[in-house]
C-alpha atoms as a PDB file:
ATOM      1  CA  UNK A   1    -110.005 168.169  91.002  1.00  0.00           C
ATOM      2  CA  UNK A   2    -106.771 167.567  92.802  1.00  0.00           C
ATOM      3  CA  UNK A   3    -104.016 170.142  93.236  1.00  0.00           C
ATOM      4  CA  UNK A   4    -100.437 169.069  93.938  1.00  0.00           C
ATOM      5  CA  UNK A   5     -97.503 171.422  94.525  1.00  0.00           C
ATOM      6  CA  UNK A   6     -94.778 170.555  91.994  1.00  0.00           C
ATOM      7  CA  UNK A   7     -92.395 173.474  92.693  1.00  0.00           C
ATOM      8  CA  UNK A   8     -91.929 175.820  95.628  1.00  0.00           C
ATOM      9  CA  UNK A   9     -88.750 177.854  95.668  1.00  0.00           C
ATOM     10  CA  UNK A  10     -87.392 181.337  96.113  1.00  0.00           C
ATOM     11  CA  UNK A  11     -86.182 182.985  92.918  1.00  0.00           C
ATOM     12  CA  UNK A  12     -84.706 186.413  93.553  1.00  0.00           C
ATOM     13  CA  UNK A  13     -87.410 188.542  95.137  1.00  0.00           C
ATOM     14  CA  UNK A  14     -90.216 186.144  94.188  1.00  0.00           C
ATOM     15  CA  UNK A  15     -91.611 182.810  95.283  1.00  0.00           C
ATOM     16  CA  UNK A  16     -91.968 180.372  92.383  1.00  0.00           C
ATOM     17  CA  UNK A  17     -94.967 178.080  92.912  1.00  0.00           C
ATOM     18  CA  UNK A  18     -95.876 175.280  90.519  1.00  0.00           C
ATOM     19  CA  UNK A  19     -98.992 173.138  90.487  1.00  0.00           C
ATOM     20  CA  UNK A  20    -100.074 169.864  88.921  1.00  0.00           C
ATOM     21  CA  UNK A  21    -103.841 169.958  88.523  1.00  0.00           C
ATOM     22  CA  UNK A  22    -105.580 166.641  87.936  1.00  0.00           C
ATOM     23  CA  UNK A  23    -109.089 166.367  86.572  1.00  0.00           C
ATOM     24  CA  UNK A  24    -110.214 162.793  85.906  1.00  0.00           C
ATOM     25  CA  UNK A  25    -107.350 161.241  83.911  1.00  0.00           C
ATOM     26  CA  UNK A  26    -105.892 164.540  82.644  1.00  0.00           C
ATOM     27  CA  UNK A  27    -103.099 166.612  84.207  1.00  0.00           C
ATOM     28  CA  UNK A  28    -102.305 170.298  83.721  1.00  0.00           C
ATOM     29  CA  UNK A  29     -99.055 171.909  84.913  1.00  0.00           C
ATOM     30  CA  UNK A  30     -98.909 175.609  85.694  1.00  0.00           C
ATOM     31  CA  UNK A  31     -96.401 177.893  87.428  1.00  0.00           C
ATOM     32  CA  UNK A  32     -96.824 181.322  88.995  1.00  0.00           C
ATOM     33  CA  UNK A  33     -94.513 183.826  90.686  1.00  0.00           C
ATOM     34  CA  UNK A  34     -95.548 185.709  93.800  1.00  0.00           C
ATOM     35  CA  UNK A  35     -93.589 188.631  95.302  1.00  0.00           C
ATOM     36  CA  UNK A  36     -91.746 187.760  98.521  1.00  0.00           C
ATOM     37  CA  UNK A  37     -93.140 189.425 101.622  1.00  0.00           C
ATOM     38  CA  UNK A  38     -91.503 189.126 105.032  1.00  0.00           C
ATOM     39  CA  UNK A  39     -93.732 187.098 107.356  1.00  0.00           C
ATOM     40  CA  UNK A  40     -95.912 185.536 104.657  1.00  0.00           C
ATOM     41  CA  UNK A  41     -96.553 181.817 105.259  1.00  0.00           C
ATOM     42  CA  UNK A  42     -96.078 179.028 102.738  1.00  0.00           C
ATOM     43  CA  UNK A  43     -99.827 178.567 102.705  1.00  0.00           C
ATOM     44  CA  UNK A  44    -100.329 182.228 101.824  1.00  0.00           C
ATOM     45  CA  UNK A  45     -97.873 181.956  98.912  1.00  0.00           C
ATOM     46  CA  UNK A  46     -99.668 178.877  97.607  1.00  0.00           C
ATOM     47  CA  UNK A  47    -103.076 180.527  98.006  1.00  0.00           C
ATOM     48  CA  UNK A  48    -101.941 183.658  96.155  1.00  0.00           C
ATOM     49  CA  UNK A  49    -100.310 181.645  93.354  1.00  0.00           C
ATOM     50  CA  UNK A  50    -103.445 179.530  92.950  1.00  0.00           C
ATOM     51  CA  UNK A  51    -105.577 182.665  92.692  1.00  0.00           C
ATOM     52  CA  UNK A  52    -103.298 183.882  89.875  1.00  0.00           C
ATOM     53  CA  UNK A  53    -103.462 180.486  88.137  1.00  0.00           C
ATOM     54  CA  UNK A  54    -107.219 179.926  88.527  1.00  0.00           C
ATOM     55  CA  UNK A  55    -108.362 181.636  85.279  1.00  0.00           C
ATOM     56  CA  UNK A  56    -105.997 179.439  83.238  1.00  0.00           C
ATOM     57  CA  UNK A  57    -107.036 176.327  85.174  1.00  0.00           C
ATOM     58  CA  UNK A  58    -110.709 177.137  84.553  1.00  0.00           C
ATOM     59  CA  UNK A  59    -110.006 177.578  80.834  1.00  0.00           C
ATOM     60  CA  UNK A  60    -108.205 174.211  80.719  1.00  0.00           C
ATOM     61  CA  UNK A  61    -111.086 172.457  82.504  1.00  0.00           C
ATOM     62  CA  UNK A  62    -113.610 173.970  80.073  1.00  0.00           C
ATOM     63  CA  UNK A  63    -111.548 172.898  77.063  1.00  0.00           C
ATOM     64  CA  UNK A  64    -111.581 169.281  78.264  1.00  0.00           C
ATOM     65  CA  UNK A  65    -115.282 168.959  77.404  1.00  0.00           C
ATOM     66  CA  UNK A  66    -114.305 168.916  73.707  1.00  0.00           C
ATOM     67  CA  UNK A  67    -111.201 166.703  73.918  1.00  0.00           C
ATOM     68  CA  UNK A  68    -111.912 163.214  72.616  1.00  0.00           C
ATOM     69  CA  UNK A  69    -115.126 164.069  70.809  1.00  0.00           C
ATOM     70  CA  UNK A  70    -115.514 163.100  67.166  1.00  0.00           C
ATOM     71  CA  UNK A  71    -115.848 165.878  64.584  1.00  0.00           C
ATOM     72  CA  UNK A  72    -117.698 165.519  61.278  1.00  0.00           C
ATOM     73  CA  UNK A  73    -116.166 167.953  58.766  1.00  0.00           C
ATOM     74  CA  UNK A  74    -119.034 167.299  56.326  1.00  0.00           C
ATOM     75  CA  UNK A  75    -121.626 168.720  58.704  1.00  0.00           C
ATOM     76  CA  UNK A  76    -119.270 170.883  60.785  1.00  0.00           C
ATOM     77  CA  UNK A  77    -120.598 169.360  63.974  1.00  0.00           C
ATOM     78  CA  UNK A  78    -119.759 166.886  66.683  1.00  0.00           C
ATOM     79  CA  UNK A  79    -120.988 163.349  66.274  1.00  0.00           C
END
């Protein structure tokens, strides 16, 4: 998987961090907000935002195993 930062900005008292996550030929966009802390590095904000996003990214990756498969409604199963 490839992670690309799509947004990185201060919004009030929070850092808004957005990611584009690419897995094969699919892309997933996700944004997270992290509280501003004096002295925190950009890398730390990105790391914290990714940790918050990871459960949703994992769910998206798991759902991709079904996308594109054929469904037979007669047998209620994949073909």
